Amino acid sequence: MSFLISAAHAQEAAAPAAAPGNEMMSLLMLVGFMVIFYFMIWRPQAKRAKEHKNLLASLQKGDEVITSGGIAGRVSKVADDFVVVEVSDTVELKIQKGAIVASLPKGTLKAI
């Protein structure tokens, strides 16, 4: 039955020599992917996080905001981690600061 299976001669053939520029090309590709990753993913995400942090730090009483749930209201009280948002004349909601997505221009709630 050994005539159907060819013998493996591992030491007979020498491995082909790698081209001298191969290491440089793979290093260049790795650096290229890192640059693409930085400019397309890391940098925009860091910019958005910085803007959101500045938004939360600058919240004041009277600002009109939108939450991540889509609730629009006016800030009536600001604490360390929570904000009280006045949704209507008689309804106030206590919301975490991180849930606030955007600040609206003054007078937007009256126009809605």
N, C-alpha and C. Protein backbone atom coordinates (compact mmCIF):
# COMPACT_ATOMS: atom_id res chain seq x y z
N MET A 1 0.80 -1.18 0.00
CA MET A 1 0.00 0.00 0.00
C MET A 1 0.85 1.26 0.00
N SER A 2 2.10 1.15 0.21
CA SER A 2 2.94 2.34 0.27
C SER A 2 3.15 2.99 -1.09
N PHE A 3 2.78 2.33 -2.15
CA PHE A 3 2.92 2.95 -3.47
C PHE A 3 1.89 4.04 -3.71
N LEU A 4 0.78 4.12 -2.90
CA LEU A 4 -0.22 5.17 -3.04
C LEU A 4 0.15 6.43 -2.26
N ILE A 5 1.00 6.29 -1.26
CA ILE A 5 1.38 7.42 -0.42
C ILE A 5 2.81 7.78 -0.74
N SER A 6 3.01 9.05 -1.10
CA SER A 6 4.37 9.47 -1.41
C SER A 6 5.12 9.75 -0.11
N ALA A 7 6.38 9.51 -0.14
CA ALA A 7 7.20 9.71 1.05
C ALA A 7 7.46 11.20 1.24
N ALA A 8 7.44 11.64 2.48
CA ALA A 8 7.71 13.03 2.80
C ALA A 8 9.19 13.19 3.04
N HIS A 9 9.83 13.98 2.24
CA HIS A 9 11.27 14.19 2.36
C HIS A 9 11.49 15.62 2.86
N ALA A 10 11.42 15.81 4.17
CA ALA A 10 11.47 17.14 4.75
C ALA A 10 12.84 17.79 4.62
N GLN A 11 13.88 17.02 4.67
CA GLN A 11 15.21 17.61 4.66
C GLN A 11 15.81 17.70 3.27
N GLU A 12 15.12 17.21 2.29
CA GLU A 12 15.67 17.23 0.95
C GLU A 12 15.69 18.62 0.35
N ALA A 13 14.59 19.35 0.44
CA ALA A 13 14.51 20.66 -0.19
C ALA A 13 14.78 21.75 0.85
N ALA A 14 15.62 22.68 0.51
CA ALA A 14 15.91 23.79 1.40
C ALA A 14 14.81 24.84 1.27
N ALA A 15 14.54 25.52 2.34
CA ALA A 15 13.51 26.56 2.32
C ALA A 15 13.99 27.72 1.45
N PRO A 16 13.10 28.30 0.66
CA PRO A 16 13.51 29.42 -0.19
C PRO A 16 13.91 30.61 0.69
N ALA A 17 14.91 31.31 0.30
CA ALA A 17 15.39 32.46 1.05
C ALA A 17 14.40 33.61 0.92
N ALA A 18 14.16 34.29 2.02
CA ALA A 18 13.23 35.42 2.02
C ALA A 18 13.88 36.60 1.30
N ALA A 19 13.04 37.33 0.60
CA ALA A 19 13.53 38.50 -0.10
C ALA A 19 13.99 39.54 0.92
N PRO A 20 15.05 40.30 0.64
CA PRO A 20 15.56 41.25 1.62
C PRO A 20 14.59 42.38 1.97
N GLY A 21 13.70 42.76 1.10
CA GLY A 21 12.77 43.85 1.36
C GLY A 21 11.47 43.40 2.01
N ASN A 22 11.30 42.11 2.24
CA ASN A 22 10.06 41.58 2.80
C ASN A 22 9.79 42.10 4.21
N GLU A 23 10.79 42.12 5.06
CA GLU A 23 10.60 42.59 6.43
C GLU A 23 10.23 44.07 6.44
N MET A 24 10.88 44.82 5.57
CA MET A 24 10.60 46.25 5.50
C MET A 24 9.17 46.52 5.02
N MET A 25 8.73 45.73 4.06
CA MET A 25 7.38 45.91 3.52
C MET A 25 6.32 45.56 4.57
N SER A 26 6.53 44.50 5.33
CA SER A 26 5.55 44.13 6.36
C SER A 26 5.53 45.17 7.48
N LEU A 27 6.67 45.72 7.82
CA LEU A 27 6.73 46.77 8.83
C LEU A 27 6.02 48.03 8.33
N LEU A 28 6.19 48.35 7.07
CA LEU A 28 5.53 49.50 6.47
C LEU A 28 4.01 49.32 6.47
N MET A 29 3.55 48.12 6.18
CA MET A 29 2.10 47.84 6.19
C MET A 29 1.54 47.97 7.60
N LEU A 30 2.28 47.49 8.59
CA LEU A 30 1.83 47.59 9.97
C LEU A 30 1.72 49.05 10.41
N VAL A 31 2.71 49.85 10.07
CA VAL A 31 2.67 51.27 10.40
C VAL A 31 1.52 51.95 9.66
N GLY A 32 1.29 51.57 8.42
CA GLY A 32 0.17 52.14 7.64
C GLY A 32 -1.17 51.84 8.28
N PHE A 33 -1.37 50.61 8.74
CA PHE A 33 -2.62 50.26 9.40
C PHE A 33 -2.79 51.03 10.71
N MET A 34 -1.71 51.24 11.43
CA MET A 34 -1.79 52.00 12.68
C MET A 34 -2.18 53.46 12.41
N VAL A 35 -1.64 54.04 11.36
CA VAL A 35 -1.96 55.43 11.00
C VAL A 35 -3.43 55.53 10.59
N ILE A 36 -3.90 54.58 9.79
CA ILE A 36 -5.30 54.57 9.37
C ILE A 36 -6.21 54.40 10.59
N PHE A 37 -5.86 53.49 11.49
CA PHE A 37 -6.64 53.27 12.71
C PHE A 37 -6.72 54.56 13.53
N TYR A 38 -5.61 55.26 13.66
CA TYR A 38 -5.58 56.49 14.45
C TYR A 38 -6.49 57.57 13.85
N PHE A 39 -6.36 57.82 12.56
CA PHE A 39 -7.11 58.91 11.94
C PHE A 39 -8.58 58.59 11.70
N MET A 40 -8.94 57.33 11.55
CA MET A 40 -10.33 57.00 11.26
C MET A 40 -11.13 56.57 12.48
N ILE A 41 -10.47 56.10 13.54
CA ILE A 41 -11.21 55.59 14.68
C ILE A 41 -10.86 56.33 15.96
N TRP A 42 -9.62 56.34 16.34
CA TRP A 42 -9.21 56.87 17.64
C TRP A 42 -9.43 58.38 17.76
N ARG A 43 -8.95 59.14 16.79
CA ARG A 43 -9.00 60.60 16.87
C ARG A 43 -10.43 61.15 16.88
N PRO A 44 -11.32 60.71 15.97
CA PRO A 44 -12.70 61.23 16.02
C PRO A 44 -13.43 60.86 17.31
N GLN A 45 -13.18 59.65 17.81
CA GLN A 45 -13.84 59.23 19.04
C GLN A 45 -13.37 60.07 20.22
N ALA A 46 -12.07 60.35 20.28
CA ALA A 46 -11.53 61.17 21.36
C ALA A 46 -12.07 62.60 21.27
N LYS A 47 -12.25 63.10 20.06
CA LYS A 47 -12.79 64.44 19.87
C LYS A 47 -14.23 64.52 20.36
N ARG A 48 -15.04 63.50 20.01
CA ARG A 48 -16.43 63.47 20.46
C ARG A 48 -16.52 63.37 21.98
N ALA A 49 -15.67 62.56 22.58
CA ALA A 49 -15.69 62.41 24.04
C ALA A 49 -15.30 63.72 24.73
N LYS A 50 -14.34 64.43 24.17
CA LYS A 50 -13.92 65.71 24.74
C LYS A 50 -15.05 66.74 24.65
N GLU A 51 -15.74 66.80 23.51
CA GLU A 51 -16.85 67.73 23.34
C GLU A 51 -17.98 67.42 24.32
N HIS A 52 -18.28 66.12 24.51
CA HIS A 52 -19.35 65.72 25.43
C HIS A 52 -18.98 66.07 26.87
N LYS A 53 -17.72 65.87 27.23
CA LYS A 53 -17.25 66.21 28.57
C LYS A 53 -17.37 67.72 28.81
N ASN A 54 -17.01 68.52 27.81
CA ASN A 54 -17.14 69.97 27.92
C ASN A 54 -18.60 70.39 28.03
N LEU A 55 -19.49 69.72 27.30
CA LEU A 55 -20.92 70.01 27.37
C LEU A 55 -21.44 69.76 28.77
N LEU A 56 -21.08 68.63 29.36
CA LEU A 56 -21.56 68.30 30.69
C LEU A 56 -20.98 69.23 31.75
N ALA A 57 -19.76 69.66 31.55
CA ALA A 57 -19.13 70.57 32.52
C ALA A 57 -19.73 71.96 32.45
N SER A 58 -20.26 72.35 31.30
CA SER A 58 -20.77 73.71 31.15
C SER A 58 -22.29 73.82 31.35
N LEU A 59 -22.93 72.75 31.82
CA LEU A 59 -24.38 72.82 32.04
C LEU A 59 -24.71 73.80 33.16
N GLN A 60 -25.73 74.60 32.90
CA GLN A 60 -26.18 75.60 33.89
C GLN A 60 -27.69 75.57 33.97
N LYS A 61 -28.19 76.18 35.01
CA LYS A 61 -29.64 76.30 35.17
C LYS A 61 -30.19 77.16 34.03
N GLY A 62 -31.25 76.67 33.39
CA GLY A 62 -31.87 77.41 32.30
C GLY A 62 -31.48 76.90 30.92
N ASP A 63 -30.46 76.04 30.82
CA ASP A 63 -30.07 75.47 29.53
C ASP A 63 -31.15 74.51 29.04
N GLU A 64 -31.37 74.50 27.75
CA GLU A 64 -32.31 73.57 27.14
C GLU A 64 -31.51 72.41 26.57
N VAL A 65 -31.89 71.18 26.95
CA VAL A 65 -31.12 69.99 26.59
C VAL A 65 -32.00 68.89 26.04
N ILE A 66 -31.34 67.91 25.39
CA ILE A 66 -31.98 66.69 24.94
C ILE A 66 -31.24 65.52 25.57
N THR A 67 -31.99 64.55 26.09
CA THR A 67 -31.37 63.37 26.68
C THR A 67 -31.20 62.27 25.63
N SER A 68 -30.51 61.21 26.02
CA SER A 68 -30.30 60.10 25.08
C SER A 68 -31.61 59.37 24.80
N GLY A 69 -32.60 59.51 25.65
CA GLY A 69 -33.91 58.91 25.43
C GLY A 69 -34.82 59.76 24.57
N GLY A 70 -34.37 60.96 24.20
CA GLY A 70 -35.15 61.84 23.34
C GLY A 70 -36.02 62.83 24.10
N ILE A 71 -35.84 62.94 25.39
CA ILE A 71 -36.62 63.88 26.19
C ILE A 71 -35.97 65.25 26.12
N ALA A 72 -36.77 66.25 25.76
CA ALA A 72 -36.27 67.63 25.69
C ALA A 72 -36.82 68.39 26.88
N GLY A 73 -35.96 69.19 27.50
CA GLY A 73 -36.40 69.95 28.65
C GLY A 73 -35.41 71.03 29.02
N ARG A 74 -35.75 71.76 30.08
CA ARG A 74 -34.92 72.87 30.57
C ARG A 74 -34.30 72.44 31.89
N VAL A 75 -33.01 72.68 32.06
CA VAL A 75 -32.30 72.32 33.29
C VAL A 75 -32.75 73.26 34.40
N SER A 76 -33.22 72.68 35.53
CA SER A 76 -33.65 73.51 36.65
C SER A 76 -32.71 73.39 37.85
N LYS A 77 -31.89 72.34 37.88
CA LYS A 77 -30.95 72.17 38.98
C LYS A 77 -29.81 71.28 38.51
N VAL A 78 -28.57 71.66 38.87
CA VAL A 78 -27.39 70.89 38.48
C VAL A 78 -26.67 70.43 39.74
N ALA A 79 -26.42 69.12 39.84
CA ALA A 79 -25.64 68.56 40.95
C ALA A 79 -24.38 67.92 40.36
N ASP A 80 -23.66 67.17 41.19
CA ASP A 80 -22.42 66.56 40.71
C ASP A 80 -22.66 65.54 39.61
N ASP A 81 -23.53 64.57 39.88
CA ASP A 81 -23.77 63.49 38.92
C ASP A 81 -25.14 63.54 38.26
N PHE A 82 -26.04 64.32 38.83
CA PHE A 82 -27.41 64.35 38.33
C PHE A 82 -27.84 65.76 37.97
N VAL A 83 -28.84 65.82 37.09
CA VAL A 83 -29.42 67.08 36.65
C VAL A 83 -30.94 66.95 36.74
N VAL A 84 -31.59 67.96 37.22
CA VAL A 84 -33.05 67.97 37.24
C VAL A 84 -33.51 68.74 36.00
N VAL A 85 -34.28 68.04 35.16
CA VAL A 85 -34.74 68.62 33.90
C VAL A 85 -36.25 68.85 34.00
N GLU A 86 -36.66 70.08 33.74
CA GLU A 86 -38.08 70.44 33.75
C GLU A 86 -38.65 70.17 32.36
N VAL A 87 -39.54 69.17 32.28
CA VAL A 87 -40.12 68.77 31.01
C VAL A 87 -41.34 69.62 30.69
N SER A 88 -42.16 69.89 31.68
CA SER A 88 -43.30 70.79 31.53
C SER A 88 -43.40 71.61 32.81
N ASP A 89 -44.48 72.36 32.97
CA ASP A 89 -44.61 73.25 34.13
C ASP A 89 -44.64 72.48 35.45
N THR A 90 -45.21 71.29 35.45
CA THR A 90 -45.36 70.54 36.70
C THR A 90 -44.52 69.27 36.77
N VAL A 91 -43.81 68.94 35.71
CA VAL A 91 -43.05 67.69 35.68
C VAL A 91 -41.55 67.97 35.64
N GLU A 92 -40.85 67.42 36.64
CA GLU A 92 -39.40 67.51 36.68
C GLU A 92 -38.82 66.10 36.76
N LEU A 93 -37.78 65.83 35.99
CA LEU A 93 -37.13 64.52 35.98
C LEU A 93 -35.69 64.65 36.44
N LYS A 94 -35.28 63.71 37.29
CA LYS A 94 -33.89 63.68 37.74
C LYS A 94 -33.15 62.71 36.82
N ILE A 95 -32.14 63.23 36.12
CA ILE A 95 -31.44 62.46 35.08
C ILE A 95 -29.94 62.52 35.34
N GLN A 96 -29.26 61.43 35.02
CA GLN A 96 -27.80 61.42 35.12
C GLN A 96 -27.22 62.37 34.08
N LYS A 97 -26.13 63.01 34.44
CA LYS A 97 -25.50 63.96 33.51
C LYS A 97 -25.06 63.27 32.22
N GLY A 98 -24.59 62.05 32.31
CA GLY A 98 -24.11 61.33 31.13
C GLY A 98 -25.19 61.05 30.10
N ALA A 99 -26.46 61.12 30.52
CA ALA A 99 -27.56 60.86 29.59
C ALA A 99 -27.90 62.06 28.73
N ILE A 100 -27.32 63.21 29.03
CA ILE A 100 -27.58 64.41 28.22
C ILE A 100 -26.70 64.35 26.98
N VAL A 101 -27.34 64.46 25.83
CA VAL A 101 -26.65 64.30 24.55
C VAL A 101 -26.29 65.63 23.92
N ALA A 102 -27.21 66.59 23.99
CA ALA A 102 -26.97 67.85 23.29
C ALA A 102 -27.63 69.01 24.05
N SER A 103 -27.07 70.16 23.82
CA SER A 103 -27.64 71.40 24.35
C SER A 103 -28.29 72.14 23.19
N LEU A 104 -29.50 72.61 23.42
CA LEU A 104 -30.24 73.30 22.36
C LEU A 104 -30.08 74.81 22.49
N PRO A 105 -30.25 75.54 21.39
CA PRO A 105 -30.24 77.00 21.49
C PRO A 105 -31.45 77.48 22.30
N LYS A 106 -31.31 78.62 22.93
CA LYS A 106 -32.38 79.19 23.75
C LYS A 106 -33.64 79.42 22.90
N GLY A 107 -34.79 79.09 23.46
CA GLY A 107 -36.05 79.30 22.76
C GLY A 107 -36.49 78.14 21.89
N THR A 108 -35.73 77.07 21.83
CA THR A 108 -36.09 75.93 20.98
C THR A 108 -37.31 75.24 21.52
N LEU A 109 -37.42 75.11 22.83
CA LEU A 109 -38.56 74.38 23.43
C LEU A 109 -39.87 75.11 23.17
N LYS A 110 -39.86 76.42 23.11
CA LYS A 110 -41.09 77.17 22.82
C LYS A 110 -41.51 76.99 21.37
N ALA A 111 -40.55 76.75 20.49
CA ALA A 111 -40.86 76.60 19.07
C ALA A 111 -41.43 75.21 18.75
N ILE A 112 -41.20 74.27 19.65
CA ILE A 112 -41.68 72.88 19.39
C ILE A 112 -43.15 72.77 19.67
